[in-house]
Protein backbone atom coordinates (compact mmCIF):
# COMPACT_ATOMS: atom_id res chain seq x y z
CA MET A 1 0.00 0.00 0.00
CA PRO A 2 1.41 3.46 -0.88
CA PRO A 3 2.59 5.54 2.12
CA ASP A 4 0.02 8.25 1.31
CA ALA A 5 -2.85 5.78 0.86
CA GLY A 6 -6.24 6.89 2.04
CA PRO A 7 -8.50 4.87 4.32
CA VAL A 8 -10.21 1.78 2.99
CA VAL A 9 -13.98 2.27 2.79
CA GLU A 10 -16.44 -0.62 2.64
CA ILE A 11 -19.62 -0.63 0.55
CA PRO A 12 -22.10 -3.04 2.14
CA PRO A 13 -23.63 -5.82 0.02
CA ARG A 14 -26.31 -4.69 -2.48
CA SER A 15 -25.62 -0.99 -1.96
CA GLY A 16 -23.73 1.86 -3.59
CA THR A 17 -22.05 5.19 -3.00
CA ALA A 18 -20.80 8.27 -4.84
CA PHE A 19 -17.83 10.55 -4.23
CA THR A 20 -15.49 12.93 -6.03
CA LEU A 21 -12.09 12.06 -7.44
CA ASP A 22 -9.53 14.71 -8.34
CA ARG A 23 -7.40 14.54 -11.46
CA GLY A 24 -4.28 12.54 -10.67
CA GLN A 25 -5.84 10.61 -7.80
CA ARG A 26 -6.06 6.83 -7.89
CA LEU A 27 -9.13 4.82 -7.05
CA THR A 28 -8.49 1.22 -6.01
CA VAL A 29 -11.52 -1.09 -6.07
CA ILE A 30 -11.00 -4.14 -3.85
CA ASP A 31 -12.89 -7.42 -3.71
CA PRO A 32 -12.36 -8.42 -0.04
CA GLN A 33 -14.02 -11.84 -0.17
CA GLY A 34 -13.82 -12.81 -3.85
CA GLU A 35 -16.32 -13.28 -6.69
CA GLN A 36 -18.05 -9.92 -6.18
CA VAL A 37 -18.72 -7.40 -8.96
CA ALA A 38 -18.60 -3.61 -8.59
CA ASP A 39 -20.38 -1.27 -11.02
CA LEU A 40 -18.25 1.83 -11.68
CA LEU A 41 -19.41 5.12 -13.21
CA ALA A 42 -17.48 8.35 -13.73
CA PHE A 43 -18.80 11.76 -14.80
CA ARG A 44 -16.75 14.87 -15.51
CA ARG A 45 -17.29 17.01 -12.44
CA ASP A 46 -17.67 20.38 -14.19
CA ASP A 47 -19.99 18.94 -16.85
CA PRO A 48 -21.74 15.70 -15.83
CA ASP A 49 -23.18 15.31 -19.33
CA GLU A 50 -19.74 13.90 -20.11
CA VAL A 51 -19.64 10.36 -18.77
CA ILE A 52 -17.80 7.09 -19.38
CA SER A 53 -18.91 5.36 -22.55
CA SER A 54 -18.97 1.63 -23.17
CA GLY A 55 -19.37 2.17 -26.91
CA ARG A 56 -16.49 4.62 -27.31
CA THR A 57 -14.16 2.64 -25.06
CA LEU A 58 -14.74 -0.72 -26.74
CA ASP A 59 -14.60 0.87 -30.19
CA TYR A 60 -11.18 2.40 -29.56
CA ALA A 61 -9.81 -0.65 -27.69
CA SER A 62 -11.06 -3.04 -30.41
CA ARG A 63 -11.73 -5.70 -27.80
CA LEU A 64 -14.32 -6.55 -25.16
CA PHE A 65 -12.24 -7.11 -22.04
CA LEU A 66 -10.05 -4.40 -20.52
CA SER A 67 -7.12 -4.49 -18.11
CA THR A 68 -3.90 -2.70 -17.11
CA GLY A 69 -3.00 0.22 -19.36
CA ASP A 70 -6.42 0.53 -20.96
CA PRO A 71 -8.14 3.93 -21.00
CA ILE A 72 -11.84 4.38 -20.33
CA TYR A 73 -13.24 6.99 -22.69
CA SER A 74 -16.16 9.37 -22.33
CA ASN A 75 -19.06 9.90 -24.68
CA ARG A 76 -16.98 12.82 -26.04
CA SER A 77 -13.95 10.60 -26.75
CA ARG A 78 -11.80 11.91 -23.92
CA VAL A 79 -10.10 9.65 -21.40
CA LEU A 80 -11.70 9.97 -17.96
CA LEU A 81 -10.06 6.97 -16.26
CA ARG A 82 -7.13 4.70 -16.97
CA ILE A 83 -6.56 1.24 -15.52
CA VAL A 84 -3.08 1.34 -13.99
CA GLU A 85 -3.05 -1.85 -11.92
CA ASP A 86 -5.13 -5.00 -12.13
CA THR A 87 -4.70 -8.32 -10.34
CA VAL A 88 -7.65 -10.01 -12.09
CA GLY A 89 -7.46 -9.13 -15.79
CA ARG A 90 -11.14 -9.75 -16.50
CA HIS A 91 -13.71 -6.97 -16.38
CA ASP A 92 -16.29 -5.91 -18.92
CA PHE A 93 -18.32 -3.06 -20.31
CA LEU A 94 -21.16 -5.15 -21.74
CA LEU A 95 -24.16 -5.24 -19.40
CA THR A 96 -26.08 -2.33 -17.93
CA PRO A 97 -26.46 -1.92 -14.15
CA CYS A 98 -29.01 -4.35 -12.71
CA SER A 99 -32.30 -2.72 -11.75
CA ALA A 100 -35.75 -3.49 -10.39
CA ASP A 101 -36.70 -4.29 -13.99
CA THR A 102 -33.75 -6.69 -14.24
CA PHE A 103 -34.99 -8.63 -11.24
CA ARG A 104 -38.57 -8.58 -12.51
CA ILE A 105 -37.76 -9.63 -16.10
CA ILE A 106 -34.83 -12.00 -15.61
CA TYR A 107 -35.42 -13.39 -12.13
CA GLY A 108 -39.21 -13.09 -11.93
CA ASP A 109 -39.11 -11.28 -8.59
CA ALA A 110 -42.51 -10.03 -7.45
CA GLU A 111 -40.88 -7.50 -5.08
CA PRO A 112 -37.63 -6.70 -6.88
CA HIS A 113 -34.58 -5.07 -5.32
CA ARG A 114 -33.72 -1.65 -6.80
CA GLY A 115 -30.36 -3.08 -7.92
CA CYS A 116 -27.20 -1.23 -8.87
CA PHE A 117 -29.17 1.18 -11.04
CA GLY A 118 -31.33 2.29 -8.13
CA ASN A 119 -28.36 2.41 -5.78
CA LEU A 120 -26.40 4.55 -8.23
CA ALA A 121 -29.37 6.85 -8.84
CA ALA A 122 -29.79 7.43 -5.09
CA ALA A 123 -26.06 7.99 -4.54
CA LEU A 124 -25.67 10.37 -7.50
CA ALA A 125 -28.82 12.43 -6.82
CA PRO A 126 -27.00 14.86 -4.46
CA TYR A 127 -24.66 15.67 -7.36
CA GLY A 128 -27.59 16.59 -9.60
CA ILE A 129 -27.29 13.45 -11.72
CA GLY A 130 -30.68 11.90 -12.47
CA PRO A 131 -31.48 8.30 -13.40
CA ASP A 132 -31.75 9.00 -17.13
CA ARG A 133 -28.09 10.07 -17.18
CA ILE A 134 -26.81 6.73 -15.86
CA PRO A 135 -25.07 4.83 -18.70
CA VAL A 136 -23.70 1.30 -18.97
CA ALA A 137 -21.24 0.94 -16.09
CA PHE A 138 -17.73 -0.43 -16.21
CA ASN A 139 -18.27 -3.78 -14.50
CA VAL A 140 -15.23 -4.34 -12.30
CA PHE A 141 -14.54 -8.08 -11.78
CA MET A 142 -17.51 -9.06 -14.00
CA ASN A 143 -16.98 -12.19 -16.10
CA VAL A 144 -19.28 -12.30 -19.13
CA ARG A 145 -18.47 -14.96 -21.70
CA VAL A 146 -19.32 -14.36 -25.34
CA ASP A 147 -19.97 -17.28 -27.70
CA GLY A 148 -17.77 -16.83 -30.76
CA ASP A 149 -20.37 -18.16 -33.19
CA THR A 150 -23.73 -16.92 -31.90
CA GLY A 151 -22.67 -13.98 -29.74
CA ALA A 152 -24.69 -15.43 -26.85
CA LEU A 153 -23.77 -13.92 -23.47
CA THR A 154 -23.22 -16.06 -20.37
CA VAL A 155 -22.63 -14.48 -16.97
CA ALA A 156 -19.97 -16.62 -15.28
CA PRO A 157 -18.55 -16.31 -11.74
CA PRO A 158 -16.02 -13.50 -11.34
CA LEU A 159 -12.38 -14.57 -11.47
CA SER A 160 -11.50 -12.30 -8.54
CA ARG A 161 -10.32 -13.87 -5.31
CA ALA A 162 -10.19 -12.36 -1.83
CA GLY A 163 -8.03 -9.25 -1.87
CA ASP A 164 -7.89 -8.82 -5.64
CA HIS A 165 -8.10 -5.25 -6.87
CA ALA A 166 -8.12 -2.89 -9.83
CA THR A 167 -6.70 0.63 -9.68
CA PHE A 168 -7.90 3.52 -11.85
CA LEU A 169 -6.12 6.82 -12.44
CA ALA A 170 -8.39 9.86 -12.77
CA GLU A 171 -7.56 11.83 -15.91
CA ASP A 172 -9.98 14.63 -14.96
CA ASP A 173 -11.89 15.89 -11.92
CA LEU A 174 -14.70 13.36 -11.59
CA ILE A 175 -17.86 12.34 -9.83
CA VAL A 176 -17.73 8.59 -9.28
CA GLY A 177 -20.50 6.11 -8.55
CA LEU A 178 -19.56 2.67 -7.22
CA THR A 179 -21.60 -0.33 -6.07
CA ALA A 180 -21.38 -3.76 -4.56
CA CYS A 181 -23.46 -5.47 -7.24
CA SER A 182 -26.92 -6.74 -6.34
CA ALA A 183 -27.39 -9.49 -8.94
CA LEU A 184 -27.04 -13.11 -7.78
CA GLN A 185 -25.98 -14.34 -11.21
CA SER A 186 -23.13 -11.83 -11.46
CA ASN A 187 -21.66 -12.77 -8.07
CA ASN A 188 -21.86 -16.57 -8.15
CA GLY A 189 -25.00 -16.67 -6.04
CA ALA A 190 -23.93 -14.55 -3.07
CA PHE A 191 -23.92 -10.90 -2.00
CA LYS A 192 -20.69 -9.53 -0.54
CA PRO A 193 -19.15 -6.10 0.13
CA ILE A 194 -16.78 -4.11 -2.04
CA ARG A 195 -14.05 -1.91 -0.65
CA TYR A 196 -12.28 1.08 -2.17
CA ARG A 197 -9.39 3.39 -1.41
CA ILE A 198 -8.43 6.79 -2.84
CA ASP A 199 -4.74 7.70 -3.02
């Protein structure tokens, strides 16, 4: 851990938070128990209409799975975050944050949880960011398999083990949303916390 490392903060299972990140700071997302996904969003602080973009990032990377050295682009083709350290090597930008509709449509829940989408909306509301501005998140530790012939998507257990982490460098002043994912399928059938640290 760097000598100037900030405190480690825990996000309880099936919840989320939001905070600011200054240009040049590093955000480390930690999976303390293993096999737990975190949904990550970043908005430019002085203009939250600029936000991370799955489409732009995957287009410029020319691949689906991102790791150390890869930039995460905005909808305006500027780099907002860069992955600078990664002990897992498997994350994705494919599936949107789970929501009450996810649990109703996919799981058939009669009383669905609000999911990562609802948790992000609640956490980002104090920053003036409404639900309709929430894009596809960068899914830290998510393990989606893509069939090479049909393109069928299969959500597999995360490859992260206890203590694994990914570190992101802020390339601008940002508002960040981060969750401990609420979907059973994404987390190998269990709900666990996520931790983070800002350096």
